[in-house]
Amino acid sequence: MTVGDNIRKYREAQNISKEDLALKARLGVTTLESYESNERVPELDTILKISTVLDIPASELMEFEDENDTNIDYELEKLIQEIGVKSSKLILKKARDFSEQDVLKAMNLLYELNQQKK
């Protein structure tokens, strides 16, 4: 399942309309629809807003299920290739020392720093 599939699944499970979720997460309905239809992928801060409204951990929205695939997923493999195996190992080893909440805070901080550079 993609992030968009997960958003739709949890929204529907809680009987929340697209309009209500969009309003509470401060998104446009069209934007939310583009996420749920997998036309766009939400930024981390948007995932955090949506997860807060749905009252679920952000990791639930970012979790991908592929029961038939026991190999590393394509996106992760591509990221490892882009940043290198050594950097990937270092990041992952350090990440396991932190809680999920700490990792999300760090990712949000990095996102904000990157936005300030632009």
Protein backbone atom coordinates (compact mmCIF):
# COMPACT_ATOMS: atom_id res chain seq x y z
CA MET A 1 0.00 0.00 0.00
CA THR A 2 1.15 3.52 -0.72
CA VAL A 3 0.90 6.55 1.56
CA GLY A 4 -2.21 7.61 -0.36
CA ASP A 5 -3.78 4.18 0.05
CA ASN A 6 -3.07 4.31 3.79
CA ILE A 7 -4.58 7.80 4.14
CA ARG A 8 -7.77 6.64 2.41
CA LYS A 9 -7.89 3.38 4.43
CA TYR A 10 -7.63 5.12 7.80
CA ARG A 11 -9.94 7.97 6.79
CA GLU A 12 -12.63 5.55 5.65
CA ALA A 13 -12.15 3.30 8.70
CA GLN A 14 -12.95 6.30 10.89
CA ASN A 15 -15.87 7.41 8.69
CA ILE A 16 -14.29 10.79 8.05
CA SER A 17 -15.18 12.51 4.79
CA LYS A 18 -12.51 13.90 2.50
CA GLU A 19 -13.85 17.36 3.18
CA ASP A 20 -13.60 16.96 6.97
CA LEU A 21 -10.08 15.56 6.86
CA ALA A 22 -8.95 18.26 4.45
CA LEU A 23 -10.46 20.99 6.63
CA LYS A 24 -8.98 19.66 9.88
CA ALA A 25 -5.54 19.06 8.31
CA ARG A 26 -5.68 22.47 6.59
CA LEU A 27 -5.46 21.01 3.09
CA GLY A 28 -7.47 21.52 -0.03
CA VAL A 29 -9.88 18.73 -0.88
CA THR A 30 -8.29 18.47 -4.33
CA THR A 31 -4.87 18.11 -2.72
CA LEU A 32 -6.12 15.35 -0.43
CA GLU A 33 -7.73 13.60 -3.40
CA SER A 34 -4.43 13.76 -5.30
CA TYR A 35 -2.71 12.07 -2.34
CA GLU A 36 -5.36 9.36 -2.04
CA SER A 37 -5.26 8.66 -5.78
CA ASN A 38 -1.44 8.48 -5.65
CA GLU A 39 -1.01 11.34 -8.10
CA ARG A 40 1.11 13.15 -5.51
CA VAL A 41 3.05 12.15 -2.41
CA PRO A 42 2.58 14.38 0.64
CA GLU A 43 5.54 16.05 2.33
CA LEU A 44 6.49 14.88 5.81
CA ASP A 45 4.86 17.87 7.53
CA THR A 46 1.60 17.10 5.71
CA ILE A 47 1.79 13.44 6.74
CA LEU A 48 2.23 14.62 10.34
CA LYS A 49 -0.85 16.87 10.08
CA ILE A 50 -2.97 14.09 8.59
CA SER A 51 -1.79 11.55 11.17
CA THR A 52 -2.64 13.99 13.96
CA VAL A 53 -6.18 14.46 12.65
CA LEU A 54 -6.61 10.70 12.21
CA ASP A 55 -5.04 10.13 15.65
CA ILE A 56 -2.59 7.52 14.40
CA PRO A 57 1.23 7.42 14.30
CA ALA A 58 2.67 8.94 11.13
CA SER A 59 4.54 5.70 10.58
CA GLU A 60 1.18 3.99 9.97
CA LEU A 61 0.63 6.23 6.96
CA MET A 62 4.15 5.66 5.66
CA GLU A 63 4.07 1.89 6.12
CA PHE A 64 4.05 -0.10 2.90
CA GLU A 65 2.55 -3.57 2.80
CA ASP A 66 3.60 -5.99 0.12
CA GLU A 67 3.00 -9.51 1.33
CA ASN A 68 4.62 -11.11 -1.72
CA ASP A 69 7.84 -9.10 -1.55
CA THR A 70 10.44 -10.20 0.96
CA ASN A 71 13.20 -8.23 -0.74
CA ILE A 72 14.16 -4.66 0.01
CA ASP A 73 11.71 -2.30 -1.67
CA TYR A 74 12.68 -0.38 -4.79
CA GLU A 75 12.51 3.09 -3.22
CA LEU A 76 14.77 2.07 -0.34
CA GLU A 77 17.21 0.40 -2.70
CA LYS A 78 17.36 3.55 -4.85
CA LEU A 79 17.94 5.76 -1.79
CA ILE A 80 20.78 3.52 -0.61
CA GLN A 81 22.36 3.78 -4.05
CA GLU A 82 21.99 7.58 -4.04
CA ILE A 83 23.55 8.24 -0.63
CA GLY A 84 25.85 5.24 -0.52
CA VAL A 85 25.95 2.08 1.56
CA LYS A 86 28.22 3.52 4.28
CA SER A 87 26.00 6.57 4.86
CA SER A 88 22.88 4.40 4.80
CA LYS A 89 24.29 2.05 7.43
CA LEU A 90 25.35 4.95 9.63
CA ILE A 91 21.92 6.59 9.42
CA LEU A 92 20.07 3.35 10.13
CA LYS A 93 22.33 2.39 13.04
CA LYS A 94 21.81 5.81 14.62
CA ALA A 95 18.07 5.75 13.90
CA ARG A 96 17.49 2.62 15.96
CA ASP A 97 18.76 4.50 19.04
CA PHE A 98 15.83 6.92 18.78
CA SER A 99 12.11 6.57 19.24
CA GLU A 100 9.80 6.94 16.27
CA GLN A 101 8.73 10.34 17.60
CA ASP A 102 12.38 11.48 17.81
CA VAL A 103 13.02 10.37 14.22
CA LEU A 104 9.94 12.23 12.97
CA LYS A 105 11.01 15.38 14.84
CA ALA A 106 14.49 15.14 13.34
CA MET A 107 13.09 14.63 9.85
CA ASN A 108 10.79 17.62 10.29
CA LEU A 109 13.72 19.75 11.47
CA LEU A 110 15.81 18.69 8.47
CA TYR A 111 12.89 19.50 6.16
CA GLU A 112 12.56 22.98 7.71
CA LEU A 113 16.30 23.62 7.40
CA ASN A 114 16.18 22.61 3.75
CA GLN A 115 13.24 24.95 3.13
CA GLN A 116 15.13 27.86 4.71
CA LYS A 117 18.02 27.31 2.26
CA LYS A 118 15.69 27.76 -0.73
